[in-house]
Amino acid sequence: MSCNLLLVEDNPLSRRNIAMFLQQAEFSVHQVDNGEAALELISRIKFNVVISDLRLPGRVNGLEVLKYQSQMDPGKRLILITACGSEHAQAEAQAMGALYLEKPISLCGLLESIQTTD
C-alpha cells in the first residue's frame, strides 16, 4: 500500500511508536510535533491520511489542522486522537468527516480504521 500520511503528535514517544508501526505497514509517514509545522507541510505535500492529536503546542490545535487539510484537499481520511476528549471536539471532528479516537489508541485498531476507509 502506497499511502502518504501525516502524523501530528507532540508526545515524542507516542509519535515514534505510531510512526514505526505505520511504516512497517508500508505507509510513507511524515511526522511533526505542532500544528504550525503541520499546516506548512499540508500546503506543500498531498496526504492521503492526516492523523492529529487534538492538543498541540502553539496556536494551532488538531481540529484546525484537520480543517485546513479538508480545505486544501477535500475527501481525504482525517483522524483526530486525544487523551482529553470532549463532546464538542468529537462533534466538530465528526462534522468534518473525521474519525475520533480517544487515547490510549490501539495501533492495530488505528491501522484497521485507515484501511477500512480507503
PDB file of N, CA and C in Angstrom:
ATOM      1  N   MET A   1       0.855  -1.179   0.000  1.00  0.00           N
ATOM      2  CA  MET A   1       0.000   0.000   0.000  1.00  0.00           C
ATOM      3  C   MET A   1       0.896   1.235   0.000  1.00  0.00           C
ATOM      4  N   SER A   2       0.701   2.087  -0.986  1.00  0.00           N
ATOM      5  CA  SER A   2       1.463   3.331  -1.037  1.00  0.00           C
ATOM      6  C   SER A   2       0.539   4.459  -0.592  1.00  0.00           C
ATOM      7  N   CYS A   3       0.744   4.907   0.623  1.00  0.00           N
ATOM      8  CA  CYS A   3      -0.144   5.905   1.202  1.00  0.00           C
ATOM      9  C   CYS A   3       0.694   6.947   1.919  1.00  0.00           C
ATOM     10  N   ASN A   4       0.518   8.199   1.532  1.00  0.00           N
ATOM     11  CA  ASN A   4       1.239   9.311   2.137  1.00  0.00           C
ATOM     12  C   ASN A   4       0.456   9.793   3.356  1.00  0.00           C
ATOM     13  N   LEU A   5       1.080   9.751   4.527  1.00  0.00           N
ATOM     14  CA  LEU A   5       0.386  10.006   5.780  1.00  0.00           C
ATOM     15  C   LEU A   5       1.123  11.064   6.591  1.00  0.00           C
ATOM     16  N   LEU A   6       0.363  11.987   7.183  1.00  0.00           N
ATOM     17  CA  LEU A   6       0.927  12.987   8.091  1.00  0.00           C
ATOM     18  C   LEU A   6       0.490  12.654   9.511  1.00  0.00           C
ATOM     19  N   LEU A   7       1.465  12.555  10.406  1.00  0.00           N
ATOM     20  CA  LEU A   7       1.213  12.301  11.818  1.00  0.00           C
ATOM     21  C   LEU A   7       1.616  13.538  12.615  1.00  0.00           C
ATOM     22  N   VAL A   8       0.641  14.130  13.320  1.00  0.00           N
ATOM     23  CA  VAL A   8       0.876  15.328  14.124  1.00  0.00           C
ATOM     24  C   VAL A   8       0.666  14.946  15.589  1.00  0.00           C
ATOM     25  N   GLU A   9       1.763  14.808  16.312  1.00  0.00           N
ATOM     26  CA  GLU A   9       1.716  14.354  17.710  1.00  0.00           C
ATOM     27  C   GLU A   9       2.870  14.992  18.462  1.00  0.00           C
ATOM     28  N   ASP A  10       2.560  15.675  19.567  1.00  0.00           N
ATOM     29  CA  ASP A  10       3.620  16.363  20.307  1.00  0.00           C
ATOM     30  C   ASP A  10       4.359  15.466  21.295  1.00  0.00           C
ATOM     31  N   ASN A  11       3.806  14.321  21.641  1.00  0.00           N
ATOM     32  CA  ASN A  11       4.495  13.401  22.546  1.00  0.00           C
ATOM     33  C   ASN A  11       5.485  12.563  21.732  1.00  0.00           C
ATOM     34  N   PRO A  12       6.796  12.738  21.965  1.00  0.00           N
ATOM     35  CA  PRO A  12       7.803  12.063  21.133  1.00  0.00           C
ATOM     36  C   PRO A  12       7.691  10.540  21.143  1.00  0.00           C
ATOM     37  N   LEU A  13       7.397   9.961  22.288  1.00  0.00           N
ATOM     38  CA  LEU A  13       7.298   8.506  22.374  1.00  0.00           C
ATOM     39  C   LEU A  13       6.083   7.990  21.605  1.00  0.00           C
ATOM     40  N   SER A  14       4.947   8.636  21.786  1.00  0.00           N
ATOM     41  CA  SER A  14       3.740   8.248  21.043  1.00  0.00           C
ATOM     42  C   SER A  14       3.950   8.414  19.546  1.00  0.00           C
ATOM     43  N   ARG A  15       4.533   9.545  19.160  1.00  0.00           N
ATOM     44  CA  ARG A  15       4.772   9.818  17.736  1.00  0.00           C
ATOM     45  C   ARG A  15       5.671   8.746  17.128  1.00  0.00           C
ATOM     46  N   ARG A  16       6.748   8.412  17.835  1.00  0.00           N
ATOM     47  CA  ARG A  16       7.688   7.409  17.327  1.00  0.00           C
ATOM     48  C   ARG A  16       7.016   6.044  17.201  1.00  0.00           C
ATOM     49  N   ASN A  17       6.257   5.641  18.225  1.00  0.00           N
ATOM     50  CA  ASN A  17       5.603   4.335  18.200  1.00  0.00           C
ATOM     51  C   ASN A  17       4.573   4.224  17.084  1.00  0.00           C
ATOM     52  N   ILE A  18       3.748   5.245  16.933  1.00  0.00           N
ATOM     53  CA  ILE A  18       2.737   5.231  15.873  1.00  0.00           C
ATOM     54  C   ILE A  18       3.420   5.230  14.509  1.00  0.00           C
ATOM     55  N   ALA A  19       4.415   6.085  14.337  1.00  0.00           N
ATOM     56  CA  ALA A  19       5.112   6.182  13.047  1.00  0.00           C
ATOM     57  C   ALA A  19       5.787   4.866  12.681  1.00  0.00           C
ATOM     58  N   MET A  20       6.483   4.253  13.627  1.00  0.00           N
ATOM     59  CA  MET A  20       7.165   2.990  13.341  1.00  0.00           C
ATOM     60  C   MET A  20       6.168   1.903  12.954  1.00  0.00           C
ATOM     61  N   PHE A  21       5.061   1.838  13.659  1.00  0.00           N
ATOM     62  CA  PHE A  21       4.040   0.839  13.357  1.00  0.00           C
ATOM     63  C   PHE A  21       3.480   1.038  11.948  1.00  0.00           C
ATOM     64  N   LEU A  22       3.161   2.286  11.600  1.00  0.00           N
ATOM     65  CA  LEU A  22       2.584   2.557  10.281  1.00  0.00           C
ATOM     66  C   LEU A  22       3.613   2.392   9.168  1.00  0.00           C
ATOM     67  N   GLN A  23       4.875   2.694   9.435  1.00  0.00           N
ATOM     68  CA  GLN A  23       5.925   2.463   8.441  1.00  0.00           C
ATOM     69  C   GLN A  23       6.087   0.975   8.169  1.00  0.00           C
ATOM     70  N   GLN A  24       5.956   0.147   9.191  1.00  0.00           N
ATOM     71  CA  GLN A  24       6.021  -1.301   8.994  1.00  0.00           C
ATOM     72  C   GLN A  24       4.852  -1.794   8.151  1.00  0.00           C
ATOM     73  N   ALA A  25       3.749  -1.061   8.186  1.00  0.00           N
ATOM     74  CA  ALA A  25       2.584  -1.384   7.361  1.00  0.00           C
ATOM     75  C   ALA A  25       2.698  -0.741   5.976  1.00  0.00           C
ATOM     76  N   GLU A  26       3.876  -0.215   5.668  1.00  0.00           N
ATOM     77  CA  GLU A  26       4.235   0.343   4.359  1.00  0.00           C
ATOM     78  C   GLU A  26       3.577   1.678   4.033  1.00  0.00           C
ATOM     79  N   PHE A  27       3.309   2.466   5.062  1.00  0.00           N
ATOM     80  CA  PHE A  27       2.874   3.841   4.853  1.00  0.00           C
ATOM     81  C   PHE A  27       4.106   4.735   4.796  1.00  0.00           C
ATOM     82  N   SER A  28       4.033   5.780   3.996  1.00  0.00           N
ATOM     83  CA  SER A  28       5.060   6.817   3.994  1.00  0.00           C
ATOM     84  C   SER A  28       4.620   7.856   5.027  1.00  0.00           C
ATOM     85  N   VAL A  29       5.314   7.898   6.168  1.00  0.00           N
ATOM     86  CA  VAL A  29       4.872   8.708   7.303  1.00  0.00           C
ATOM     87  C   VAL A  29       5.731   9.959   7.450  1.00  0.00           C
ATOM     88  N   HIS A  30       5.081  11.115   7.411  1.00  0.00           N
ATOM     89  CA  HIS A  30       5.719  12.399   7.699  1.00  0.00           C
ATOM     90  C   HIS A  30       5.299  12.766   9.117  1.00  0.00           C
ATOM     91  N   GLN A  31       6.246  13.198   9.941  1.00  0.00           N
ATOM     92  CA  GLN A  31       5.966  13.467  11.351  1.00  0.00           C
ATOM     93  C   GLN A  31       6.287  14.913  11.721  1.00  0.00           C
ATOM     94  N   VAL A  32       5.376  15.531  12.464  1.00  0.00           N
ATOM     95  CA  VAL A  32       5.635  16.850  13.045  1.00  0.00           C
ATOM     96  C   VAL A  32       5.071  16.864  14.460  1.00  0.00           C
ATOM     97  N   ASP A  33       5.543  17.835  15.262  1.00  0.00           N
ATOM     98  CA  ASP A  33       5.113  17.872  16.661  1.00  0.00           C
ATOM     99  C   ASP A  33       4.250  19.078  17.014  1.00  0.00           C
ATOM    100  N   ASN A  34       3.820  19.850  16.005  1.00  0.00           N
ATOM    101  CA  ASN A  34       2.965  21.008  16.300  1.00  0.00           C
ATOM    102  C   ASN A  34       2.098  21.350  15.093  1.00  0.00           C
ATOM    103  N   GLY A  35       1.050  22.121  15.358  1.00  0.00           N
ATOM    104  CA  GLY A  35       0.095  22.462  14.315  1.00  0.00           C
ATOM    105  C   GLY A  35       0.644  23.354  13.223  1.00  0.00           C
ATOM    106  N   GLU A  36       1.486  24.300  13.588  1.00  0.00           N
ATOM    107  CA  GLU A  36       2.050  25.208  12.587  1.00  0.00           C
ATOM    108  C   GLU A  36       2.872  24.440  11.553  1.00  0.00           C
ATOM    109  N   ALA A  37       3.696  23.502  12.017  1.00  0.00           N
ATOM    110  CA  ALA A  37       4.501  22.687  11.102  1.00  0.00           C
ATOM    111  C   ALA A  37       3.605  21.817  10.228  1.00  0.00           C
ATOM    112  N   ALA A  38       2.501  21.341  10.797  1.00  0.00           N
ATOM    113  CA  ALA A  38       1.556  20.533  10.026  1.00  0.00           C
ATOM    114  C   ALA A  38       0.942  21.345   8.888  1.00  0.00           C
ATOM    115  N   LEU A  39       0.516  22.581   9.176  1.00  0.00           N
ATOM    116  CA  LEU A  39      -0.078  23.424   8.134  1.00  0.00           C
ATOM    117  C   LEU A  39       0.917  23.684   7.014  1.00  0.00           C
ATOM    118  N   GLU A  40       2.168  23.897   7.376  1.00  0.00           N
ATOM    119  CA  GLU A  40       3.201  24.151   6.373  1.00  0.00           C
ATOM    120  C   GLU A  40       3.381  22.929   5.470  1.00  0.00           C
ATOM    121  N   LEU A  41       3.417  21.741   6.045  1.00  0.00           N
ATOM    122  CA  LEU A  41       3.561  20.527   5.232  1.00  0.00           C
ATOM    123  C   LEU A  41       2.340  20.293   4.352  1.00  0.00           C
ATOM    124  N   ILE A  42       1.157  20.483   4.908  1.00  0.00           N
ATOM    125  CA  ILE A  42      -0.077  20.285   4.140  1.00  0.00           C
ATOM    126  C   ILE A  42      -0.125  21.224   2.941  1.00  0.00           C
ATOM    127  N   SER A  43       0.431  22.422   3.082  1.00  0.00           N
ATOM    128  CA  SER A  43       0.427  23.377   1.965  1.00  0.00           C
ATOM    129  C   SER A  43       1.379  22.947   0.847  1.00  0.00           C
ATOM    130  N   ARG A  44       2.330  22.046   1.155  1.00  0.00           N
ATOM    131  CA  ARG A  44       3.321  21.626   0.160  1.00  0.00           C
ATOM    132  C   ARG A  44       3.163  20.192  -0.339  1.00  0.00           C
ATOM    133  N   ILE A  45       2.556  19.329   0.465  1.00  0.00           N
ATOM    134  CA  ILE A  45       2.523  17.900   0.163  1.00  0.00           C
ATOM    135  C   ILE A  45       1.080  17.403   0.191  1.00  0.00           C
ATOM    136  N   LYS A  46       0.738  16.520  -0.742  1.00  0.00           N
ATOM    137  CA  LYS A  46      -0.586  15.886  -0.764  1.00  0.00           C
ATOM    138  C   LYS A  46      -0.553  14.658   0.143  1.00  0.00           C
ATOM    139  N   PHE A  47      -1.446  14.624   1.116  1.00  0.00           N
ATOM    140  CA  PHE A  47      -1.537  13.492   2.031  1.00  0.00           C
ATOM    141  C   PHE A  47      -2.837  12.737   1.799  1.00  0.00           C
ATOM    142  N   ASN A  48      -2.759  11.409   1.860  1.00  0.00           N
ATOM    143  CA  ASN A  48      -3.953  10.572   1.786  1.00  0.00           C
ATOM    144  C   ASN A  48      -4.658  10.515   3.137  1.00  0.00           C
ATOM    145  N   VAL A  49      -3.852  10.595   4.206  1.00  0.00           N
ATOM    146  CA  VAL A  49      -4.361  10.482   5.573  1.00  0.00           C
ATOM    147  C   VAL A  49      -3.646  11.506   6.453  1.00  0.00           C
ATOM    148  N   VAL A  50      -4.415  12.183   7.315  1.00  0.00           N
ATOM    149  CA  VAL A  50      -3.826  13.056   8.334  1.00  0.00           C
ATOM    150  C   VAL A  50      -4.354  12.591   9.688  1.00  0.00           C
ATOM    151  N   ILE A  51      -3.409  12.262  10.572  1.00  0.00           N
ATOM    152  CA  ILE A  51      -3.725  11.867  11.945  1.00  0.00           C
ATOM    153  C   ILE A  51      -3.158  12.953  12.850  1.00  0.00           C
ATOM    154  N   SER A  52      -4.016  13.545  13.671  1.00  0.00           N
ATOM    155  CA  SER A  52      -3.540  14.626  14.537  1.00  0.00           C
ATOM    156  C   SER A  52      -4.061  14.477  15.952  1.00  0.00           C
ATOM    157  N   ASP A  53      -3.173  14.747  16.900  1.00  0.00           N
ATOM    158  CA  ASP A  53      -3.581  14.893  18.289  1.00  0.00           C
ATOM    159  C   ASP A  53      -4.419  16.172  18.372  1.00  0.00           C
ATOM    160  N   LEU A  54      -5.349  16.219  19.310  1.00  0.00           N
ATOM    161  CA  LEU A  54      -6.172  17.419  19.481  1.00  0.00           C
ATOM    162  C   LEU A  54      -5.371  18.561  20.097  1.00  0.00           C
ATOM    163  N   ARG A  55      -4.716  18.291  21.210  1.00  0.00           N
ATOM    164  CA  ARG A  55      -3.970  19.337  21.918  1.00  0.00           C
ATOM    165  C   ARG A  55      -2.520  19.330  21.460  1.00  0.00           C
ATOM    166  N   LEU A  56      -2.112  20.461  20.909  1.00  0.00           N
ATOM    167  CA  LEU A  56      -0.759  20.616  20.378  1.00  0.00           C
ATOM    168  C   LEU A  56      -0.150  21.900  20.920  1.00  0.00           C
ATOM    169  N   PRO A  57       1.171  21.953  21.010  1.00  0.00           N
ATOM    170  CA  PRO A  57       1.804  23.205  21.427  1.00  0.00           C
ATOM    171  C   PRO A  57       1.637  24.273  20.344  1.00  0.00           C
ATOM    172  N   GLY A  58       1.637  25.511  20.742  1.00  0.00           N
ATOM    173  CA  GLY A  58       1.494  26.603  19.776  1.00  0.00           C
ATOM    174  C   GLY A  58       0.051  27.050  19.646  1.00  0.00           C
ATOM    175  N   ARG A  59      -0.220  27.759  18.561  1.00  0.00           N
ATOM    176  CA  ARG A  59      -1.535  28.382  18.378  1.00  0.00           C
ATOM    177  C   ARG A  59      -2.508  27.553  17.556  1.00  0.00           C
ATOM    178  N   VAL A  60      -2.043  26.464  16.947  1.00  0.00           N
ATOM    179  CA  VAL A  60      -2.887  25.666  16.054  1.00  0.00           C
ATOM    180  C   VAL A  60      -3.149  24.304  16.695  1.00  0.00           C
ATOM    181  N   ASN A  61      -4.430  23.983  16.919  1.00  0.00           N
ATOM    182  CA  ASN A  61      -4.757  22.686  17.511  1.00  0.00           C
ATOM    183  C   ASN A  61      -5.079  21.650  16.425  1.00  0.00           C
ATOM    184  N   GLY A  62      -5.334  20.439  16.851  1.00  0.00           N
ATOM    185  CA  GLY A  62      -5.572  19.350  15.915  1.00  0.00           C
ATOM    186  C   GLY A  62      -6.804  19.532  15.046  1.00  0.00           C
ATOM    187  N   LEU A  63      -7.867  20.094  15.597  1.00  0.00           N
ATOM    188  CA  LEU A  63      -9.061  20.348  14.786  1.00  0.00           C
ATOM    189  C   LEU A  63      -8.755  21.330  13.661  1.00  0.00           C
ATOM    190  N   GLU A  64      -7.959  22.346  13.962  1.00  0.00           N
ATOM    191  CA  GLU A  64      -7.588  23.326  12.934  1.00  0.00           C
ATOM    192  C   GLU A  64      -6.720  22.686  11.853  1.00  0.00           C
ATOM    193  N   VAL A  65      -5.859  21.757  12.247  1.00  0.00           N
ATOM    194  CA  VAL A  65      -5.043  21.028  11.268  1.00  0.00           C
ATOM    195  C   VAL A  65      -5.951  20.247  10.318  1.00  0.00           C
ATOM    196  N   LEU A  66      -6.912  19.518  10.880  1.00  0.00           N
ATOM    197  CA  LEU A  66      -7.806  18.714  10.048  1.00  0.00           C
ATOM    198  C   LEU A  66      -8.688  19.587   9.159  1.00  0.00           C
ATOM    199  N   LYS A  67      -9.159  20.719   9.677  1.00  0.00           N
ATOM    200  CA  LYS A  67      -9.958  21.641   8.860  1.00  0.00           C
ATOM    201  C   LYS A  67      -9.144  22.161   7.681  1.00  0.00           C
ATOM    202  N   TYR A  68      -7.894  22.507   7.930  1.00  0.00           N
ATOM    203  CA  TYR A  68      -7.021  23.016   6.868  1.00  0.00           C
ATOM    204  C   TYR A  68      -6.794  21.943   5.811  1.00  0.00           C
ATOM    205  N   GLN A  69      -6.534  20.713   6.247  1.00  0.00           N
ATOM    206  CA  GLN A  69      -6.357  19.617   5.292  1.00  0.00           C
ATOM    207  C   GLN A  69      -7.616  19.441   4.454  1.00  0.00           C
ATOM    208  N   SER A  70      -8.763  19.500   5.090  1.00  0.00           N
ATOM    209  CA  SER A  70     -10.036  19.330   4.396  1.00  0.00           C
ATOM    210  C   SER A  70     -10.267  20.431   3.365  1.00  0.00           C
ATOM    211  N   GLN A  71      -9.845  21.650   3.670  1.00  0.00           N
ATOM    212  CA  GLN A  71      -9.981  22.765   2.728  1.00  0.00           C
ATOM    213  C   GLN A  71      -8.992  22.641   1.572  1.00  0.00           C
ATOM    214  N   MET A  72      -7.778  22.204   1.875  1.00  0.00           N
ATOM    215  CA  MET A  72      -6.733  22.108   0.852  1.00  0.00           C
ATOM    216  C   MET A  72      -6.961  20.932  -0.092  1.00  0.00           C
ATOM    217  N   ASP A  73      -7.475  19.828   0.433  1.00  0.00           N
ATOM    218  CA  ASP A  73      -7.625  18.605  -0.359  1.00  0.00           C
ATOM    219  C   ASP A  73      -8.797  17.793   0.202  1.00  0.00           C
ATOM    220  N   PRO A  74     -10.023  18.184  -0.142  1.00  0.00           N
ATOM    221  CA  PRO A  74     -11.209  17.538   0.432  1.00  0.00           C
ATOM    222  C   PRO A  74     -11.261  16.039   0.126  1.00  0.00           C
ATOM    223  N   GLY A  75     -11.920  15.325   1.014  1.00  0.00           N
ATOM    224  CA  GLY A  75     -12.172  13.912   0.774  1.00  0.00           C
ATOM    225  C   GLY A  75     -11.099  12.959   1.258  1.00  0.00           C
ATOM    226  N   LYS A  76     -10.071  13.468   1.872  1.00  0.00           N
ATOM    227  CA  LYS A  76      -9.009  12.598   2.379  1.00  0.00           C
ATOM    228  C   LYS A  76      -9.360  12.130   3.791  1.00  0.00           C
ATOM    229  N   ARG A  77      -8.739  11.048   4.218  1.00  0.00           N
ATOM    230  CA  ARG A  77      -9.013  10.470   5.534  1.00  0.00           C
ATOM    231  C   ARG A  77      -8.433  11.349   6.632  1.00  0.00           C
ATOM    232  N   LEU A  78      -9.263  11.715   7.603  1.00  0.00           N
ATOM    233  CA  LEU A  78      -8.866  12.551   8.734  1.00  0.00           C
ATOM    234  C   LEU A  78      -9.137  11.791  10.024  1.00  0.00           C
ATOM    235  N   ILE A  79      -8.150  11.791  10.924  1.00  0.00           N
ATOM    236  CA  ILE A  79      -8.303  11.099  12.201  1.00  0.00           C
ATOM    237  C   ILE A  79      -7.810  12.019  13.317  1.00  0.00           C
ATOM    238  N   LEU A  80      -8.668  12.256  14.304  1.00  0.00           N
ATOM    239  CA  LEU A  80      -8.314  13.064  15.470  1.00  0.00           C
ATOM    240  C   LEU A  80      -8.143  12.130  16.658  1.00  0.00           C
ATOM    241  N   ILE A  81      -6.991  12.222  17.329  1.00  0.00           N
ATOM    242  CA  ILE A  81      -6.743  11.414  18.522  1.00  0.00           C
ATOM    243  C   ILE A  81      -6.550  12.350  19.713  1.00  0.00           C
ATOM    244  N   THR A  82      -7.021  11.908  20.881  1.00  0.00           N
ATOM    245  CA  THR A  82      -6.895  12.771  22.050  1.00  0.00           C
ATOM    246  C   THR A  82      -6.970  11.980  23.344  1.00  0.00           C
ATOM    247  N   ALA A  83      -6.256  12.468  24.330  1.00  0.00           N
ATOM    248  CA  ALA A  83      -6.356  11.926  25.687  1.00  0.00           C
ATOM    249  C   ALA A  83      -7.327  12.761  26.507  1.00  0.00           C
ATOM    250  N   CYS A  84      -7.649  13.936  26.015  1.00  0.00           N
ATOM    251  CA  CYS A  84      -8.514  14.881  26.736  1.00  0.00           C
ATOM    252  C   CYS A  84      -9.728  15.196  25.883  1.00  0.00           C
ATOM    253  N   GLY A  85     -10.550  14.210  25.672  1.00  0.00           N
ATOM    254  CA  GLY A  85     -11.679  14.370  24.774  1.00  0.00           C
ATOM    255  C   GLY A  85     -12.812  15.182  25.362  1.00  0.00           C
ATOM    256  N   SER A  86     -13.639  15.666  24.468  1.00  0.00           N
ATOM    257  CA  SER A  86     -14.854  16.377  24.865  1.00  0.00           C
ATOM    258  C   SER A  86     -15.914  16.098  23.809  1.00  0.00           C
ATOM    259  N   GLU A  87     -17.161  16.207  24.210  1.00  0.00           N
ATOM    260  CA  GLU A  87     -18.249  16.006  23.253  1.00  0.00           C
ATOM    261  C   GLU A  87     -18.186  17.041  22.137  1.00  0.00           C
ATOM    262  N   HIS A  88     -17.787  18.257  22.481  1.00  0.00           N
ATOM    263  CA  HIS A  88     -17.685  19.324  21.482  1.00  0.00           C
ATOM    264  C   HIS A  88     -16.634  18.981  20.425  1.00  0.00           C
ATOM    265  N   ALA A  89     -15.452  18.553  20.863  1.00  0.00           N
ATOM    266  CA  ALA A  89     -14.386  18.196  19.917  1.00  0.00           C
ATOM    267  C   ALA A  89     -14.804  17.005  19.067  1.00  0.00           C
ATOM    268  N   GLN A  90     -15.453  16.035  19.689  1.00  0.00           N
ATOM    269  CA  GLN A  90     -15.912  14.868  18.946  1.00  0.00           C
ATOM    270  C   GLN A  90     -16.929  15.273  17.883  1.00  0.00           C
ATOM    271  N   ALA A  91     -17.871  16.141  18.250  1.00  0.00           N
ATOM    272  CA  ALA A  91     -18.886  16.596  17.298  1.00  0.00           C
ATOM    273  C   ALA A  91     -18.250  17.371  16.146  1.00  0.00           C
ATOM    274  N   GLU A  92     -17.287  18.236  16.453  1.00  0.00           N
ATOM    275  CA  GLU A  92     -16.603  19.000  15.399  1.00  0.00           C
ATOM    276  C   GLU A  92     -15.843  18.084  14.453  1.00  0.00           C
ATOM    277  N   ALA A  93     -15.138  17.118  15.019  1.00  0.00           N
ATOM    278  CA  ALA A  93     -14.373  16.178  14.196  1.00  0.00           C
ATOM    279  C   ALA A  93     -15.309  15.390  13.288  1.00  0.00           C
ATOM    280  N   GLN A  94     -16.369  14.868  13.850  1.00  0.00           N
ATOM    281  CA  GLN A  94     -17.295  14.060  13.066  1.00  0.00           C
ATOM    282  C   GLN A  94     -18.035  14.890  12.025  1.00  0.00           C
ATOM    283  N   ALA A  95     -18.292  16.164  12.312  1.00  0.00           N
ATOM    284  CA  ALA A  95     -18.962  17.039  11.348  1.00  0.00           C
ATOM    285  C   ALA A  95     -18.134  17.229  10.081  1.00  0.00           C
ATOM    286  N   MET A  96     -16.805  17.146  10.213  1.00  0.00           N
ATOM    287  CA  MET A  96     -15.963  17.277   9.020  1.00  0.00           C
ATOM    288  C   MET A  96     -15.580  15.918   8.441  1.00  0.00           C
ATOM    289  N   GLY A  97     -16.202  14.857   8.968  1.00  0.00           N
ATOM    290  CA  GLY A  97     -15.950  13.522   8.437  1.00  0.00           C
ATOM    291  C   GLY A  97     -14.738  12.825   9.022  1.00  0.00           C
ATOM    292  N   ALA A  98     -14.210  13.346  10.120  1.00  0.00           N
ATOM    293  CA  ALA A  98     -13.018  12.755  10.736  1.00  0.00           C
ATOM    294  C   ALA A  98     -13.405  11.656  11.719  1.00  0.00           C
ATOM    295  N   LEU A  99     -12.549  10.664  11.813  1.00  0.00           N
ATOM    296  CA  LEU A  99     -12.668   9.678  12.881  1.00  0.00           C
ATOM    297  C   LEU A  99     -12.176  10.323  14.167  1.00  0.00           C
ATOM    298  N   TYR A 100     -12.756   9.943  15.275  1.00  0.00           N
ATOM    299  CA  TYR A 100     -12.393  10.492  16.581  1.00  0.00           C
ATOM    300  C   TYR A 100     -12.012   9.323  17.472  1.00  0.00           C
ATOM    301  N   LEU A 101     -10.739   9.284  17.895  1.00  0.00           N
ATOM    302  CA  LEU A 101     -10.241   8.186  18.718  1.00  0.00           C
ATOM    303  C   LEU A 101      -9.664   8.727  20.015  1.00  0.00           C
ATOM    304  N   GLU A 102     -10.047   8.111  21.129  1.00  0.00           N
ATOM    305  CA  GLU A 102      -9.510   8.523  22.426  1.00  0.00           C
ATOM    306  C   GLU A 102      -8.324   7.655  22.805  1.00  0.00           C
ATOM    307  N   LYS A 103      -7.300   8.302  23.377  1.00  0.00           N
ATOM    308  CA  LYS A 103      -6.108   7.595  23.844  1.00  0.00           C
ATOM    309  C   LYS A 103      -6.430   6.878  25.149  1.00  0.00           C
ATOM    310  N   PRO A 104      -5.787   5.769  25.416  1.00  0.00           N
ATOM    311  CA  PRO A 104      -4.756   5.162  24.571  1.00  0.00           C
ATOM    312  C   PRO A 104      -5.399   4.490  23.357  1.00  0.00           C
ATOM    313  N   ILE A 105      -4.769   4.667  22.211  1.00  0.00           N
ATOM    314  CA  ILE A 105      -5.303   4.070  20.994  1.00  0.00           C
ATOM    315  C   ILE A 105      -4.644   2.719  20.757  1.00  0.00           C
ATOM    316  N   SER A 106      -5.375   1.850  20.117  1.00  0.00           N
ATOM    317  CA  SER A 106      -4.836   0.568  19.676  1.00  0.00           C
ATOM    318  C   SER A 106      -4.203   0.785  18.310  1.00  0.00           C
ATOM    319  N   LEU A 107      -2.931   0.440  18.170  1.00  0.00           N
ATOM    320  CA  LEU A 107      -2.267   0.624  16.876  1.00  0.00           C
ATOM    321  C   LEU A 107      -2.924  -0.238  15.806  1.00  0.00           C
ATOM    322  N   CYS A 108      -3.294  -1.456  16.157  1.00  0.00           N
ATOM    323  CA  CYS A 108      -3.982  -2.318  15.188  1.00  0.00           C
ATOM    324  C   CYS A 108      -5.346  -1.728  14.822  1.00  0.00           C
ATOM    325  N   GLY A 109      -6.036  -1.170  15.810  1.00  0.00           N
ATOM    326  CA  GLY A 109      -7.315  -0.520  15.543  1.00  0.00           C
ATOM    327  C   GLY A 109      -7.159   0.705  14.662  1.00  0.00           C
ATOM    328  N   LEU A 110      -6.093   1.467  14.887  1.00  0.00           N
ATOM    329  CA  LEU A 110      -5.813   2.637  14.051  1.00  0.00           C
ATOM    330  C   LEU A 110      -5.563   2.208  12.613  1.00  0.00           C
ATOM    331  N   LEU A 111      -4.741   1.182  12.437  1.00  0.00           N
ATOM    332  CA  LEU A 111      -4.448   0.674  11.096  1.00  0.00           C
ATOM    333  C   LEU A 111      -5.719   0.191  10.413  1.00  0.00           C
ATOM    334  N   GLU A 112      -6.546  -0.527  11.145  1.00  0.00           N
ATOM    335  CA  GLU A 112      -7.804  -1.014  10.585  1.00  0.00           C
ATOM    336  C   GLU A 112      -8.705   0.152  10.180  1.00  0.00           C
ATOM    337  N   SER A 113      -8.747   1.201  11.002  1.00  0.00           N
ATOM    338  CA  SER A 113      -9.557   2.382  10.678  1.00  0.00           C
ATOM    339  C   SER A 113      -9.087   3.039   9.391  1.00  0.00           C
ATOM    340  N   ILE A 114      -7.787   3.092   9.189  1.00  0.00           N
ATOM    341  CA  ILE A 114      -7.239   3.678   7.962  1.00  0.00           C
ATOM    342  C   ILE A 114      -7.577   2.804   6.766  1.00  0.00           C
ATOM    343  N   GLN A 115      -7.367   1.510   6.896  1.00  0.00           N
ATOM    344  CA  GLN A 115      -7.537   0.592   5.769  1.00  0.00           C
ATOM    345  C   GLN A 115      -8.988   0.384   5.385  1.00  0.00           C
ATOM    346  N   THR A 116      -9.904   0.396   6.340  1.00  0.00           N
ATOM    347  CA  THR A 116     -11.307   0.142   6.018  1.00  0.00           C
ATOM    348  C   THR A 116     -11.999   1.364   5.445  1.00  0.00           C
ATOM    349  N   THR A 117     -11.336   2.499   5.441  1.00  0.00           N
ATOM    350  CA  THR A 117     -11.956   3.710   4.913  1.00  0.00           C
ATOM    351  C   THR A 117     -11.309   4.179   3.629  1.00  0.00           C
ATOM    352  N   ASP A 118     -10.348   3.415   3.106  1.00  0.00           N
ATOM    353  CA  ASP A 118      -9.715   3.798   1.833  1.00  0.00           C
ATOM    354  C   ASP A 118     -10.651   3.548   0.674  1.00  0.00           C
TER     355      ASP A 118
END
